[in-house]
């Protein structure tokens, strides 16, 4: 929320949330943040782990397109996504741990539960994770998004990437796993600069414009989107880049003389009309 103080909010009486606050204290009390999760069905645990590893390369793409949290407790943070950094205060939050297969994932969950680090997989708050209960890969990196059409963009992007990876695995290919440091660095760049980020693409330090990377990815995935009947939604990523994601639109309200309450009113109107504010 742009200006509300987490300390003034009433915590849900649900015993689960009360337990989390008791265990984690200050970090848990800061969780006045909002995100969008995208689930895409996957046909096996082994595929899910391989896809989580491969999808981590696209964390900056999802984050920049959805970034909507430039303000925190009444102040401009200078970030496109303050939420992503606040969330990393939780012990298991952040980029996914890179694993070699489903058996290792099960052993890790068993160990964390036995050590009382978590009570269930629901407390593994990776940016991308397998969800055994739903049989999905769950993309959790996105900020809250004020319009359904923009939610459709990140849903289509996730669906197309998973479908592409599924096809590659069926053909006997291995999926690429980016270096852990590179994943973390590029996530930071997207959180800080949004679409204006330059992401690192190799160990020589080569960088490319995130806008260009997203445009190329959309073009590359368009045949997949055509088969999945989500080409309009995928192409919406181009519209988001032209119009500006929510973090840009919110700052434009303030730059035009509006208050943070005006920012909230603008977000409510976008949700009501399913129409992003014009620049």
C-alpha atoms as a PDB file:
ATOM      1  CA  UNK A   1       0.000   0.000   0.000  1.00  0.00           C
ATOM      2  CA  UNK A   2       1.410   3.413  -0.917  1.00  0.00           C
ATOM      3  CA  UNK A   3       0.944   5.116   2.455  1.00  0.00           C
ATOM      4  CA  UNK A   4      -0.576   2.815   5.080  1.00  0.00           C
ATOM      5  CA  UNK A   5       1.648   1.870   8.037  1.00  0.00           C
ATOM      6  CA  UNK A   6       1.796  -1.912   8.647  1.00  0.00           C
ATOM      7  CA  UNK A   7       1.916  -1.235  12.398  1.00  0.00           C
ATOM      8  CA  UNK A   8      -1.626   0.139  12.261  1.00  0.00           C
ATOM      9  CA  UNK A   9      -3.120  -2.916  10.559  1.00  0.00           C
ATOM     10  CA  UNK A  10      -4.968  -5.720  12.340  1.00  0.00           C
ATOM     11  CA  UNK A  11      -3.437  -9.138  11.672  1.00  0.00           C
ATOM     12  CA  UNK A  12      -5.811 -11.872  10.524  1.00  0.00           C
ATOM     13  CA  UNK A  13      -7.085 -14.022  13.408  1.00  0.00           C
ATOM     14  CA  UNK A  14      -6.313 -17.160  11.393  1.00  0.00           C
ATOM     15  CA  UNK A  15      -4.102 -19.339  13.660  1.00  0.00           C
ATOM     16  CA  UNK A  16      -1.617 -19.877  10.826  1.00  0.00           C
ATOM     17  CA  UNK A  17      -0.910 -16.178  10.480  1.00  0.00           C
ATOM     18  CA  UNK A  18      -0.778 -15.680  14.228  1.00  0.00           C
ATOM     19  CA  UNK A  19       1.824 -18.457  14.446  1.00  0.00           C
ATOM     20  CA  UNK A  20       3.907 -16.948  11.651  1.00  0.00           C
ATOM     21  CA  UNK A  21       3.958 -13.572  13.396  1.00  0.00           C
ATOM     22  CA  UNK A  22       4.893 -15.197  16.699  1.00  0.00           C
ATOM     23  CA  UNK A  23       7.776 -17.056  15.053  1.00  0.00           C
ATOM     24  CA  UNK A  24       9.106 -14.393  12.668  1.00  0.00           C
ATOM     25  CA  UNK A  25       8.195 -11.203  14.507  1.00  0.00           C
ATOM     26  CA  UNK A  26       9.207  -7.964  12.738  1.00  0.00           C
ATOM     27  CA  UNK A  27       9.584  -9.334   9.172  1.00  0.00           C
ATOM     28  CA  UNK A  28       6.136 -10.927   9.302  1.00  0.00           C
ATOM     29  CA  UNK A  29       4.604  -7.696  10.584  1.00  0.00           C
ATOM     30  CA  UNK A  30       5.802  -5.855   7.462  1.00  0.00           C
ATOM     31  CA  UNK A  31       3.824  -8.027   5.048  1.00  0.00           C
ATOM     32  CA  UNK A  32       1.404  -5.338   3.947  1.00  0.00           C
ATOM     33  CA  UNK A  33       2.187  -6.241   0.358  1.00  0.00           C
ATOM     34  CA  UNK A  34       0.202  -7.606  -2.541  1.00  0.00           C
ATOM     35  CA  UNK A  35       1.196  -9.949  -5.355  1.00  0.00           C
ATOM     36  CA  UNK A  36      -0.186 -12.014  -8.213  1.00  0.00           C
ATOM     37  CA  UNK A  37       0.560 -15.739  -8.426  1.00  0.00           C
ATOM     38  CA  UNK A  38       0.323 -17.648 -11.713  1.00  0.00           C
ATOM     39  CA  UNK A  39      -0.111 -21.438 -11.677  1.00  0.00           C
ATOM     40  CA  UNK A  40       0.659 -23.515 -14.778  1.00  0.00           C
ATOM     41  CA  UNK A  41       0.028 -27.257 -14.795  1.00  0.00           C
ATOM     42  CA  UNK A  42       3.055 -29.534 -15.215  1.00  0.00           C
ATOM     43  CA  UNK A  43       2.924 -33.261 -15.901  1.00  0.00           C
ATOM     44  CA  UNK A  44       5.625 -34.528 -13.529  1.00  0.00           C
ATOM     45  CA  UNK A  45       7.703 -33.542 -10.548  1.00  0.00           C
ATOM     46  CA  UNK A  46      10.938 -33.891 -12.494  1.00  0.00           C
ATOM     47  CA  UNK A  47       9.655 -31.493 -15.119  1.00  0.00           C
ATOM     48  CA  UNK A  48       8.532 -29.080 -12.424  1.00  0.00           C
ATOM     49  CA  UNK A  49      12.007 -28.838 -10.888  1.00  0.00           C
ATOM     50  CA  UNK A  50      13.670 -28.385 -14.276  1.00  0.00           C
ATOM     51  CA  UNK A  51      11.160 -25.671 -15.140  1.00  0.00           C
ATOM     52  CA  UNK A  52      11.591 -23.820 -11.852  1.00  0.00           C
ATOM     53  CA  UNK A  53      15.336 -23.686 -12.536  1.00  0.00           C
ATOM     54  CA  UNK A  54      14.865 -22.480 -16.110  1.00  0.00           C
ATOM     55  CA  UNK A  55      12.094 -19.996 -15.313  1.00  0.00           C
ATOM     56  CA  UNK A  56      14.327 -18.215 -12.811  1.00  0.00           C
ATOM     57  CA  UNK A  57      16.091 -16.570 -15.756  1.00  0.00           C
ATOM     58  CA  UNK A  58      12.841 -14.731 -16.484  1.00  0.00           C
ATOM     59  CA  UNK A  59      12.239 -13.321 -13.009  1.00  0.00           C
ATOM     60  CA  UNK A  60      13.212  -9.791 -14.159  1.00  0.00           C
ATOM     61  CA  UNK A  61      10.815  -9.979 -17.111  1.00  0.00           C
ATOM     62  CA  UNK A  62       7.828 -10.842 -14.919  1.00  0.00           C
ATOM     63  CA  UNK A  63       8.812  -8.386 -12.211  1.00  0.00           C
ATOM     64  CA  UNK A  64       9.332  -5.410 -14.508  1.00  0.00           C
ATOM     65  CA  UNK A  65       6.053  -5.944 -16.364  1.00  0.00           C
ATOM     66  CA  UNK A  66       4.096  -6.192 -13.114  1.00  0.00           C
ATOM     67  CA  UNK A  67       6.002  -3.773 -10.859  1.00  0.00           C
ATOM     68  CA  UNK A  68       3.492  -1.666  -8.952  1.00  0.00           C
ATOM     69  CA  UNK A  69       5.015  -0.768  -5.589  1.00  0.00           C
ATOM     70  CA  UNK A  70       7.133   2.377  -5.865  1.00  0.00           C
ATOM     71  CA  UNK A  71       5.735   3.830  -2.630  1.00  0.00           C
ATOM     72  CA  UNK A  72       6.034   2.523   0.938  1.00  0.00           C
ATOM     73  CA  UNK A  73       4.635   4.178   4.071  1.00  0.00           C
ATOM     74  CA  UNK A  74       4.115   7.473   2.279  1.00  0.00           C
ATOM     75  CA  UNK A  75       7.526   7.731   0.621  1.00  0.00           C
ATOM     76  CA  UNK A  76       8.850   7.128  -2.875  1.00  0.00           C
ATOM     77  CA  UNK A  77      11.343   4.294  -2.417  1.00  0.00           C
ATOM     78  CA  UNK A  78      13.127   4.926  -5.693  1.00  0.00           C
ATOM     79  CA  UNK A  79      12.295   1.336  -6.639  1.00  0.00           C
ATOM     80  CA  UNK A  80       9.900  -0.019  -9.225  1.00  0.00           C
ATOM     81  CA  UNK A  81       9.048  -2.901  -6.872  1.00  0.00           C
ATOM     82  CA  UNK A  82       9.470  -2.214  -3.179  1.00  0.00           C
ATOM     83  CA  UNK A  83       7.266  -5.245  -2.456  1.00  0.00           C
ATOM     84  CA  UNK A  84       9.843  -7.689  -3.808  1.00  0.00           C
ATOM     85  CA  UNK A  85      12.458  -6.403  -1.366  1.00  0.00           C
ATOM     86  CA  UNK A  86      10.103  -6.271   1.633  1.00  0.00           C
ATOM     87  CA  UNK A  87       9.075  -9.869   0.942  1.00  0.00           C
ATOM     88  CA  UNK A  88      12.698 -11.021   0.963  1.00  0.00           C
ATOM     89  CA  UNK A  89      12.719 -10.320   4.692  1.00  0.00           C
ATOM     90  CA  UNK A  90      11.013 -13.678   5.223  1.00  0.00           C
ATOM     91  CA  UNK A  91      13.421 -16.589   5.788  1.00  0.00           C
ATOM     92  CA  UNK A  92      12.557 -18.657   2.712  1.00  0.00           C
ATOM     93  CA  UNK A  93      11.632 -15.826   0.340  1.00  0.00           C
ATOM     94  CA  UNK A  94      13.595 -14.883  -2.757  1.00  0.00           C
ATOM     95  CA  UNK A  95      14.842 -16.702  -5.849  1.00  0.00           C
ATOM     96  CA  UNK A  96      14.265 -20.471  -5.847  1.00  0.00           C
ATOM     97  CA  UNK A  97      16.987 -22.770  -4.587  1.00  0.00           C
ATOM     98  CA  UNK A  98      18.455 -24.640  -7.529  1.00  0.00           C
ATOM     99  CA  UNK A  99      17.830 -28.376  -7.242  1.00  0.00           C
ATOM    100  CA  UNK A 100      18.766 -31.376  -9.354  1.00  0.00           C
ATOM    101  CA  UNK A 101      15.431 -33.199  -9.294  1.00  0.00           C
ATOM    102  CA  UNK A 102      12.219 -34.070  -7.492  1.00  0.00           C
ATOM    103  CA  UNK A 103      13.867 -36.461  -5.044  1.00  0.00           C
ATOM    104  CA  UNK A 104      16.163 -33.691  -3.812  1.00  0.00           C
ATOM    105  CA  UNK A 105      13.188 -31.361  -3.468  1.00  0.00           C
ATOM    106  CA  UNK A 106      11.337 -33.921  -1.333  1.00  0.00           C
ATOM    107  CA  UNK A 107      14.402 -34.449   0.859  1.00  0.00           C
ATOM    108  CA  UNK A 108      14.761 -30.700   1.313  1.00  0.00           C
ATOM    109  CA  UNK A 109      11.120 -30.310   2.340  1.00  0.00           C
ATOM    110  CA  UNK A 110      11.420 -33.244   4.760  1.00  0.00           C
ATOM    111  CA  UNK A 111      14.534 -31.706   6.305  1.00  0.00           C
ATOM    112  CA  UNK A 112      12.987 -28.259   6.728  1.00  0.00           C
ATOM    113  CA  UNK A 113       9.858 -29.745   8.292  1.00  0.00           C
ATOM    114  CA  UNK A 114      11.869 -32.011  10.613  1.00  0.00           C
ATOM    115  CA  UNK A 115      13.970 -29.029  11.691  1.00  0.00           C
ATOM    116  CA  UNK A 116      10.787 -27.013  12.285  1.00  0.00           C
ATOM    117  CA  UNK A 117      11.960 -24.378   9.853  1.00  0.00           C
ATOM    118  CA  UNK A 118       8.606 -24.745   8.078  1.00  0.00           C
ATOM    119  CA  UNK A 119       5.397 -26.612   8.777  1.00  0.00           C
ATOM    120  CA  UNK A 120       4.545 -27.250   5.106  1.00  0.00           C
ATOM    121  CA  UNK A 121       5.569 -26.265   1.586  1.00  0.00           C
ATOM    122  CA  UNK A 122       3.198 -23.309   1.946  1.00  0.00           C
ATOM    123  CA  UNK A 123       5.981 -21.657   3.948  1.00  0.00           C
ATOM    124  CA  UNK A 124       8.551 -21.967   1.168  1.00  0.00           C
ATOM    125  CA  UNK A 125       8.086 -18.526  -0.352  1.00  0.00           C
ATOM    126  CA  UNK A 126      10.338 -18.773  -3.380  1.00  0.00           C
ATOM    127  CA  UNK A 127       9.702 -16.460  -6.327  1.00  0.00           C
ATOM    128  CA  UNK A 128       8.945 -19.617  -8.323  1.00  0.00           C
ATOM    129  CA  UNK A 129       8.140 -22.966  -6.747  1.00  0.00           C
ATOM    130  CA  UNK A 130       6.566 -26.330  -7.540  1.00  0.00           C
ATOM    131  CA  UNK A 131       3.131 -26.772  -5.976  1.00  0.00           C
ATOM    132  CA  UNK A 132       2.571 -30.511  -5.374  1.00  0.00           C
ATOM    133  CA  UNK A 133      -1.005 -30.001  -4.186  1.00  0.00           C
ATOM    134  CA  UNK A 134      -2.078 -28.391  -7.450  1.00  0.00           C
ATOM    135  CA  UNK A 135       0.381 -30.141  -9.773  1.00  0.00           C
ATOM    136  CA  UNK A 136       1.694 -26.810 -10.978  1.00  0.00           C
ATOM    137  CA  UNK A 137       4.661 -24.543 -11.251  1.00  0.00           C
ATOM    138  CA  UNK A 138       3.736 -21.405  -9.333  1.00  0.00           C
ATOM    139  CA  UNK A 139       5.155 -18.053 -10.426  1.00  0.00           C
ATOM    140  CA  UNK A 140       5.044 -15.806  -7.355  1.00  0.00           C
ATOM    141  CA  UNK A 141       7.337 -12.984  -8.412  1.00  0.00           C
ATOM    142  CA  UNK A 142       4.751 -10.524  -9.740  1.00  0.00           C
ATOM    143  CA  UNK A 143       3.578  -7.456  -7.855  1.00  0.00           C
ATOM    144  CA  UNK A 144      -0.151  -6.854  -7.472  1.00  0.00           C
ATOM    145  CA  UNK A 145      -1.560  -5.811 -10.853  1.00  0.00           C
ATOM    146  CA  UNK A 146      -4.529  -3.418 -11.057  1.00  0.00           C
ATOM    147  CA  UNK A 147      -6.173  -4.623 -14.290  1.00  0.00           C
ATOM    148  CA  UNK A 148      -7.307  -8.013 -15.528  1.00  0.00           C
ATOM    149  CA  UNK A 149      -5.857  -7.404 -18.975  1.00  0.00           C
ATOM    150  CA  UNK A 150      -2.390  -6.905 -17.467  1.00  0.00           C
ATOM    151  CA  UNK A 151      -2.834 -10.014 -15.328  1.00  0.00           C
ATOM    152  CA  UNK A 152      -3.554 -11.803 -18.598  1.00  0.00           C
ATOM    153  CA  UNK A 153      -0.161 -10.672 -19.890  1.00  0.00           C
ATOM    154  CA  UNK A 154       1.861 -12.348 -17.132  1.00  0.00           C
ATOM    155  CA  UNK A 155      -0.414 -15.408 -17.174  1.00  0.00           C
ATOM    156  CA  UNK A 156       0.134 -15.851 -20.910  1.00  0.00           C
ATOM    157  CA  UNK A 157       3.876 -15.337 -20.573  1.00  0.00           C
ATOM    158  CA  UNK A 158       4.071 -17.991 -17.869  1.00  0.00           C
ATOM    159  CA  UNK A 159       1.889 -20.421 -19.782  1.00  0.00           C
ATOM    160  CA  UNK A 160       3.893 -20.039 -22.986  1.00  0.00           C
ATOM    161  CA  UNK A 161       7.249 -20.490 -21.260  1.00  0.00           C
ATOM    162  CA  UNK A 162       6.092 -23.636 -19.476  1.00  0.00           C
ATOM    163  CA  UNK A 163       4.676 -25.034 -22.716  1.00  0.00           C
ATOM    164  CA  UNK A 164       7.943 -24.271 -24.522  1.00  0.00           C
ATOM    165  CA  UNK A 165       9.959 -25.986 -21.779  1.00  0.00           C
ATOM    166  CA  UNK A 166       7.605 -28.971 -21.720  1.00  0.00           C
ATOM    167  CA  UNK A 167       8.134 -29.488 -25.445  1.00  0.00           C
ATOM    168  CA  UNK A 168      11.914 -29.243 -25.106  1.00  0.00           C
ATOM    169  CA  UNK A 169      11.957 -31.803 -22.290  1.00  0.00           C
ATOM    170  CA  UNK A 170       9.769 -34.182 -24.294  1.00  0.00           C
ATOM    171  CA  UNK A 171      12.277 -33.946 -27.144  1.00  0.00           C
ATOM    172  CA  UNK A 172      15.121 -34.950 -24.856  1.00  0.00           C
ATOM    173  CA  UNK A 173      16.704 -31.557 -24.279  1.00  0.00           C
ATOM    174  CA  UNK A 174      17.943 -30.295 -20.921  1.00  0.00           C
ATOM    175  CA  UNK A 175      16.730 -26.888 -19.798  1.00  0.00           C
ATOM    176  CA  UNK A 176      19.311 -24.193 -19.022  1.00  0.00           C
ATOM    177  CA  UNK A 177      19.818 -23.257 -15.370  1.00  0.00           C
ATOM    178  CA  UNK A 178      21.193 -19.735 -14.868  1.00  0.00           C
ATOM    179  CA  UNK A 179      23.823 -19.019 -12.238  1.00  0.00           C
ATOM    180  CA  UNK A 180      22.310 -18.242  -8.835  1.00  0.00           C
ATOM    181  CA  UNK A 181      24.230 -14.965  -8.545  1.00  0.00           C
ATOM    182  CA  UNK A 182      22.976 -13.863 -11.954  1.00  0.00           C
ATOM    183  CA  UNK A 183      19.354 -14.587 -11.000  1.00  0.00           C
ATOM    184  CA  UNK A 184      19.680 -12.522  -7.834  1.00  0.00           C
ATOM    185  CA  UNK A 185      21.482  -9.653  -9.578  1.00  0.00           C
ATOM    186  CA  UNK A 186      18.927  -9.412 -12.373  1.00  0.00           C
ATOM    187  CA  UNK A 187      16.038  -9.568  -9.925  1.00  0.00           C
ATOM    188  CA  UNK A 188      17.538  -6.609  -8.082  1.00  0.00           C
ATOM    189  CA  UNK A 189      17.964  -4.653 -11.306  1.00  0.00           C
ATOM    190  CA  UNK A 190      14.312  -5.207 -12.243  1.00  0.00           C
ATOM    191  CA  UNK A 191      13.148  -4.283  -8.728  1.00  0.00           C
ATOM    192  CA  UNK A 192      15.190  -1.087  -8.836  1.00  0.00           C
ATOM    193  CA  UNK A 193      14.815   0.098 -12.414  1.00  0.00           C
ATOM    194  CA  UNK A 194      11.789  -1.787 -13.757  1.00  0.00           C
ATOM    195  CA  UNK A 195      11.664  -1.776 -17.532  1.00  0.00           C
ATOM    196  CA  UNK A 196      14.681   0.545 -17.668  1.00  0.00           C
ATOM    197  CA  UNK A 197      16.934  -2.172 -16.252  1.00  0.00           C
ATOM    198  CA  UNK A 198      19.845  -3.653 -18.154  1.00  0.00           C
ATOM    199  CA  UNK A 199      20.118  -7.333 -17.255  1.00  0.00           C
ATOM    200  CA  UNK A 200      23.286  -9.425 -17.170  1.00  0.00           C
ATOM    201  CA  UNK A 201      23.267 -12.244 -19.726  1.00  0.00           C
ATOM    202  CA  UNK A 202      26.645 -13.945 -19.298  1.00  0.00           C
ATOM    203  CA  UNK A 203      29.647 -14.303 -17.006  1.00  0.00           C
ATOM    204  CA  UNK A 204      31.582 -11.725 -19.022  1.00  0.00           C
ATOM    205  CA  UNK A 205      29.200  -9.091 -17.671  1.00  0.00           C
ATOM    206  CA  UNK A 206      27.411  -8.443 -20.953  1.00  0.00           C
ATOM    207  CA  UNK A 207      24.143  -6.593 -20.427  1.00  0.00           C
ATOM    208  CA  UNK A 208      21.065  -6.088 -22.577  1.00  0.00           C
ATOM    209  CA  UNK A 209      18.080  -3.807 -22.254  1.00  0.00           C
ATOM    210  CA  UNK A 210      15.269  -5.550 -20.377  1.00  0.00           C
ATOM    211  CA  UNK A 211      12.768  -3.899 -22.708  1.00  0.00           C
ATOM    212  CA  UNK A 212      14.535  -5.439 -25.685  1.00  0.00           C
ATOM    213  CA  UNK A 213      14.770  -8.815 -23.954  1.00  0.00           C
ATOM    214  CA  UNK A 214      11.023  -8.815 -23.287  1.00  0.00           C
ATOM    215  CA  UNK A 215      10.203  -7.776 -26.849  1.00  0.00           C
ATOM    216  CA  UNK A 216      12.394 -10.556 -28.248  1.00  0.00           C
ATOM    217  CA  UNK A 217      10.871 -13.094 -25.856  1.00  0.00           C
ATOM    218  CA  UNK A 218       7.336 -12.144 -26.895  1.00  0.00           C
ATOM    219  CA  UNK A 219       8.234 -12.521 -30.563  1.00  0.00           C
ATOM    220  CA  UNK A 220       9.933 -15.863 -29.902  1.00  0.00           C
ATOM    221  CA  UNK A 221       6.952 -17.236 -27.958  1.00  0.00           C
ATOM    222  CA  UNK A 222       4.244 -16.000 -30.323  1.00  0.00           C
ATOM    223  CA  UNK A 223       3.937 -19.339 -32.218  1.00  0.00           C
ATOM    224  CA  UNK A 224       3.390 -21.062 -28.861  1.00  0.00           C
ATOM    225  CA  UNK A 225       0.818 -18.443 -27.903  1.00  0.00           C
ATOM    226  CA  UNK A 226      -1.018 -18.978 -31.178  1.00  0.00           C
ATOM    227  CA  UNK A 227      -1.363 -22.681 -30.401  1.00  0.00           C
ATOM    228  CA  UNK A 228      -2.537 -21.916 -26.858  1.00  0.00           C
ATOM    229  CA  UNK A 229      -4.967 -19.227 -28.039  1.00  0.00           C
ATOM    230  CA  UNK A 230      -3.372 -16.524 -25.895  1.00  0.00           C
ATOM    231  CA  UNK A 231      -1.542 -14.480 -28.529  1.00  0.00           C
ATOM    232  CA  UNK A 232      -3.540 -11.345 -27.739  1.00  0.00           C
ATOM    233  CA  UNK A 233      -2.676 -11.618 -24.059  1.00  0.00           C
ATOM    234  CA  UNK A 234       1.009 -12.268 -24.770  1.00  0.00           C
ATOM    235  CA  UNK A 235       1.215  -9.333 -27.157  1.00  0.00           C
ATOM    236  CA  UNK A 236      -0.170  -7.245 -24.319  1.00  0.00           C
ATOM    237  CA  UNK A 237       3.381  -7.200 -22.931  1.00  0.00           C
ATOM    238  CA  UNK A 238       4.265  -4.822 -25.757  1.00  0.00           C
ATOM    239  CA  UNK A 239       1.320  -2.621 -24.793  1.00  0.00           C
ATOM    240  CA  UNK A 240       2.478  -2.593 -21.157  1.00  0.00           C
ATOM    241  CA  UNK A 241       5.939  -1.467 -22.244  1.00  0.00           C
ATOM    242  CA  UNK A 242       4.508   1.294 -24.440  1.00  0.00           C
ATOM    243  CA  UNK A 243       2.015   2.537 -21.850  1.00  0.00           C
ATOM    244  CA  UNK A 244       4.129   1.911 -18.774  1.00  0.00           C
ATOM    245  CA  UNK A 245       3.539  -0.568 -15.940  1.00  0.00           C
ATOM    246  CA  UNK A 246       1.703   0.460 -12.789  1.00  0.00           C
ATOM    247  CA  UNK A 247       4.793   1.861 -11.028  1.00  0.00           C
ATOM    248  CA  UNK A 248       5.230   4.393 -13.824  1.00  0.00           C
ATOM    249  CA  UNK A 249       1.550   5.326 -13.885  1.00  0.00           C
ATOM    250  CA  UNK A 250       1.495   5.840 -10.107  1.00  0.00           C
ATOM    251  CA  UNK A 251       4.459   8.188 -10.261  1.00  0.00           C
ATOM    252  CA  UNK A 252       2.799  10.106 -13.080  1.00  0.00           C
ATOM    253  CA  UNK A 253      -0.182  10.815 -10.808  1.00  0.00           C
ATOM    254  CA  UNK A 254       2.160  12.333  -8.218  1.00  0.00           C
ATOM    255  CA  UNK A 255       4.217  14.179 -10.845  1.00  0.00           C
ATOM    256  CA  UNK A 256       0.968  15.748 -12.035  1.00  0.00           C
ATOM    257  CA  UNK A 257       0.330  17.195  -8.594  1.00  0.00           C
ATOM    258  CA  UNK A 258      -1.670  14.333  -7.114  1.00  0.00           C
ATOM    259  CA  UNK A 259      -1.342  12.893  -3.629  1.00  0.00           C
ATOM    260  CA  UNK A 260      -0.846   9.259  -2.683  1.00  0.00           C
ATOM    261  CA  UNK A 261      -4.579   9.108  -1.997  1.00  0.00           C
ATOM    262  CA  UNK A 262      -5.040  10.141  -5.623  1.00  0.00           C
ATOM    263  CA  UNK A 263      -2.715   7.271  -6.549  1.00  0.00           C
ATOM    264  CA  UNK A 264      -4.979   4.857  -4.691  1.00  0.00           C
ATOM    265  CA  UNK A 265      -8.068   6.356  -6.348  1.00  0.00           C
ATOM    266  CA  UNK A 266      -6.412   5.873  -9.737  1.00  0.00           C
ATOM    267  CA  UNK A 267      -5.661   2.231  -8.946  1.00  0.00           C
ATOM    268  CA  UNK A 268      -9.259   1.651  -7.866  1.00  0.00           C
ATOM    269  CA  UNK A 269     -10.510   3.197 -11.102  1.00  0.00           C
ATOM    270  CA  UNK A 270      -8.162   1.020 -13.169  1.00  0.00           C
ATOM    271  CA  UNK A 271      -9.465  -2.074 -11.401  1.00  0.00           C
ATOM    272  CA  UNK A 272     -13.083  -0.983 -11.839  1.00  0.00           C
ATOM    273  CA  UNK A 273     -12.785  -0.239 -15.557  1.00  0.00           C
ATOM    274  CA  UNK A 274     -10.075  -2.800 -16.443  1.00  0.00           C
ATOM    275  CA  UNK A 275      -8.343   0.034 -18.235  1.00  0.00           C
ATOM    276  CA  UNK A 276      -4.850   1.276 -17.359  1.00  0.00           C
ATOM    277  CA  UNK A 277      -4.658   5.026 -16.968  1.00  0.00           C
ATOM    278  CA  UNK A 278      -3.516   6.830 -20.107  1.00  0.00           C
ATOM    279  CA  UNK A 279      -0.113   8.456 -20.114  1.00  0.00           C
END
